[in-house]
């Protein structure tokens, strides 16, 4: 095993990264680059498991087991696409920083932020939607006549 310690010299936070690997042949810079390339993927898996609950399914049937995690990843993808196309508002980050001051350096929304925005949007749509238009008497009689004709 090998331990690699990395420090970002471009930030004042003194950010350190400790990587443990069994790959003893790759250069340290290559291992850090590999880790950085995988970070978004691993974060997506963690969000699907922990935020959406894809990791808590209690399936026993083979097909259900094979479908649960891919379905969770599909839902994750749809939420991210919805947020990117319709839900994103730069003020969301400002609101999050105001509500949670420990997020002072936050510049991008987390998946949880996207999910919260989608849930709020769905709740507003559900409770503020008007009543669907009611059929007219003529439409009701036309449907009843069609049913009578089909039954005859």
Protein backbone atom coordinates (compact mmCIF):
# COMPACT_ATOMS: atom_id res chain seq x y z
CA UNK A 1 0.00 0.00 0.00
CA UNK A 2 1.01 3.56 -0.56
CA UNK A 3 -0.01 6.85 1.06
CA UNK A 4 0.01 10.08 -0.97
CA UNK A 5 -0.41 13.45 0.71
CA UNK A 6 -1.31 16.41 -1.52
CA UNK A 7 -1.70 20.09 -0.77
CA UNK A 8 -3.36 22.71 -2.97
CA UNK A 9 -0.89 25.59 -3.01
CA UNK A 10 -3.34 27.91 -4.78
CA UNK A 11 -5.76 28.19 -1.86
CA UNK A 12 -5.28 29.76 1.51
CA UNK A 13 -7.34 27.11 3.26
CA UNK A 14 -4.36 24.76 3.52
CA UNK A 15 -6.44 22.03 1.88
CA UNK A 16 -4.81 18.63 2.26
CA UNK A 17 -5.68 15.39 0.58
CA UNK A 18 -4.61 11.95 1.77
CA UNK A 19 -4.94 9.10 -0.70
CA UNK A 20 -4.31 5.45 0.10
CA UNK A 21 -3.75 3.21 -2.89
CA UNK A 22 -2.56 -0.25 -3.79
CA UNK A 23 -1.20 1.04 -7.12
CA UNK A 24 2.49 1.37 -6.35
CA UNK A 25 3.57 1.92 -9.96
CA UNK A 26 1.66 5.07 -10.97
CA UNK A 27 3.14 8.51 -10.40
CA UNK A 28 1.64 10.48 -7.50
CA UNK A 29 0.37 13.21 -9.88
CA UNK A 30 -1.40 10.57 -11.98
CA UNK A 31 -3.08 9.10 -8.89
CA UNK A 32 -4.30 12.53 -7.75
CA UNK A 33 -5.63 13.20 -11.28
CA UNK A 34 -7.41 9.82 -11.28
CA UNK A 35 -8.96 10.61 -7.92
CA UNK A 36 -10.10 14.04 -9.13
CA UNK A 37 -11.65 12.53 -12.26
CA UNK A 38 -13.64 10.02 -10.17
CA UNK A 39 -14.86 12.49 -7.55
CA UNK A 40 -18.05 13.58 -9.37
CA UNK A 41 -18.94 9.96 -10.13
CA UNK A 42 -18.45 8.85 -6.53
CA UNK A 43 -20.45 11.84 -5.28
CA UNK A 44 -23.32 10.92 -7.62
CA UNK A 45 -23.31 7.37 -6.24
CA UNK A 46 -23.26 8.67 -2.66
CA UNK A 47 -26.15 11.08 -3.34
CA UNK A 48 -28.25 8.37 -5.01
CA UNK A 49 -27.63 6.08 -2.03
CA UNK A 50 -27.95 8.54 0.82
CA UNK A 51 -30.28 11.29 -0.44
CA UNK A 52 -32.59 9.30 -2.72
CA UNK A 53 -32.38 6.10 -0.65
CA UNK A 54 -31.31 3.79 -3.49
CA UNK A 55 -28.95 2.07 -1.08
CA UNK A 56 -31.72 1.16 1.35
CA UNK A 57 -33.89 -0.97 -0.89
CA UNK A 58 -34.94 -4.26 0.65
CA UNK A 59 -35.34 -6.33 -2.48
CA UNK A 60 -35.10 -10.09 -2.67
CA UNK A 61 -36.36 -10.87 -6.15
CA UNK A 62 -33.52 -10.96 -8.69
CA UNK A 63 -35.10 -8.56 -11.20
CA UNK A 64 -35.97 -6.06 -8.48
CA UNK A 65 -32.39 -6.12 -7.20
CA UNK A 66 -31.08 -5.57 -10.73
CA UNK A 67 -33.46 -2.66 -11.39
CA UNK A 68 -33.46 -0.71 -8.13
CA UNK A 69 -30.06 0.99 -8.32
CA UNK A 70 -30.28 1.77 -12.06
CA UNK A 71 -33.73 3.27 -11.45
CA UNK A 72 -32.31 5.36 -8.60
CA UNK A 73 -29.56 6.61 -10.92
CA UNK A 74 -32.17 7.42 -13.59
CA UNK A 75 -34.15 9.47 -11.07
CA UNK A 76 -30.94 11.20 -10.00
CA UNK A 77 -30.18 12.06 -13.63
CA UNK A 78 -33.69 13.38 -14.27
CA UNK A 79 -33.51 15.63 -11.21
CA UNK A 80 -30.15 17.07 -12.28
CA UNK A 81 -31.43 17.65 -15.84
CA UNK A 82 -34.61 19.30 -14.55
CA UNK A 83 -32.59 21.57 -12.30
CA UNK A 84 -30.17 22.52 -15.07
CA UNK A 85 -32.97 23.26 -17.55
CA UNK A 86 -35.71 24.73 -15.36
CA UNK A 87 -34.90 24.97 -11.69
CA UNK A 88 -31.55 26.75 -11.48
CA UNK A 89 -31.56 30.21 -10.02
CA UNK A 90 -28.30 31.90 -8.93
CA UNK A 91 -30.13 33.21 -5.87
CA UNK A 92 -30.45 29.63 -4.56
CA UNK A 93 -26.79 29.61 -3.53
CA UNK A 94 -27.11 33.02 -1.87
CA UNK A 95 -30.17 31.81 0.04
CA UNK A 96 -28.34 28.69 1.19
CA UNK A 97 -25.33 30.72 2.36
CA UNK A 98 -27.62 33.11 4.25
CA UNK A 99 -29.49 30.25 5.94
CA UNK A 100 -26.35 28.23 6.66
CA UNK A 101 -23.39 30.55 7.21
CA UNK A 102 -20.91 27.67 7.32
CA UNK A 103 -21.39 27.44 3.53
CA UNK A 104 -19.61 30.76 2.86
CA UNK A 105 -17.50 29.32 0.06
CA UNK A 106 -20.35 27.42 -1.59
CA UNK A 107 -20.49 28.31 -5.30
CA UNK A 108 -22.45 25.40 -6.83
CA UNK A 109 -25.66 23.71 -5.76
CA UNK A 110 -25.42 20.28 -4.22
CA UNK A 111 -27.76 17.49 -5.32
CA UNK A 112 -29.70 17.98 -2.11
CA UNK A 113 -30.30 21.62 -3.09
CA UNK A 114 -31.67 20.45 -6.45
CA UNK A 115 -33.97 17.93 -4.81
CA UNK A 116 -35.26 20.49 -2.31
CA UNK A 117 -36.02 22.91 -5.15
CA UNK A 118 -37.87 20.20 -7.11
CA UNK A 119 -39.95 19.20 -4.08
CA UNK A 120 -40.89 22.82 -3.40
CA UNK A 121 -41.79 23.33 -7.06
CA UNK A 122 -44.01 20.23 -7.06
CA UNK A 123 -45.74 21.30 -3.84
CA UNK A 124 -46.44 24.77 -5.22
CA UNK A 125 -47.77 23.30 -8.48
CA UNK A 126 -50.00 20.90 -6.60
CA UNK A 127 -51.57 23.43 -4.26
CA UNK A 128 -51.73 26.45 -6.52
CA UNK A 129 -53.02 24.66 -9.59
CA UNK A 130 -56.50 25.62 -10.59
CA UNK A 131 -59.34 23.19 -10.79
CA UNK A 132 -59.39 21.32 -14.09
CA UNK A 133 -62.13 22.44 -16.46
CA UNK A 134 -65.39 20.57 -15.96
CA UNK A 135 -67.12 18.94 -18.96
CA UNK A 136 -70.16 20.68 -20.37
CA UNK A 137 -73.58 19.04 -20.42
CA UNK A 138 -73.24 18.52 -24.19
CA UNK A 139 -69.93 16.66 -23.73
CA UNK A 140 -71.43 14.44 -21.02
CA UNK A 141 -74.43 13.57 -23.23
CA UNK A 142 -72.12 12.82 -26.20
CA UNK A 143 -70.06 10.39 -24.09
CA UNK A 144 -73.20 8.69 -22.73
CA UNK A 145 -74.62 8.36 -26.24
CA UNK A 146 -71.37 6.82 -27.45
CA UNK A 147 -71.42 4.30 -24.59
CA UNK A 148 -75.04 3.40 -25.37
CA UNK A 149 -74.22 2.96 -29.03
CA UNK A 150 -71.22 0.75 -28.20
CA UNK A 151 -73.30 -1.41 -25.84
CA UNK A 152 -76.09 -1.91 -28.39
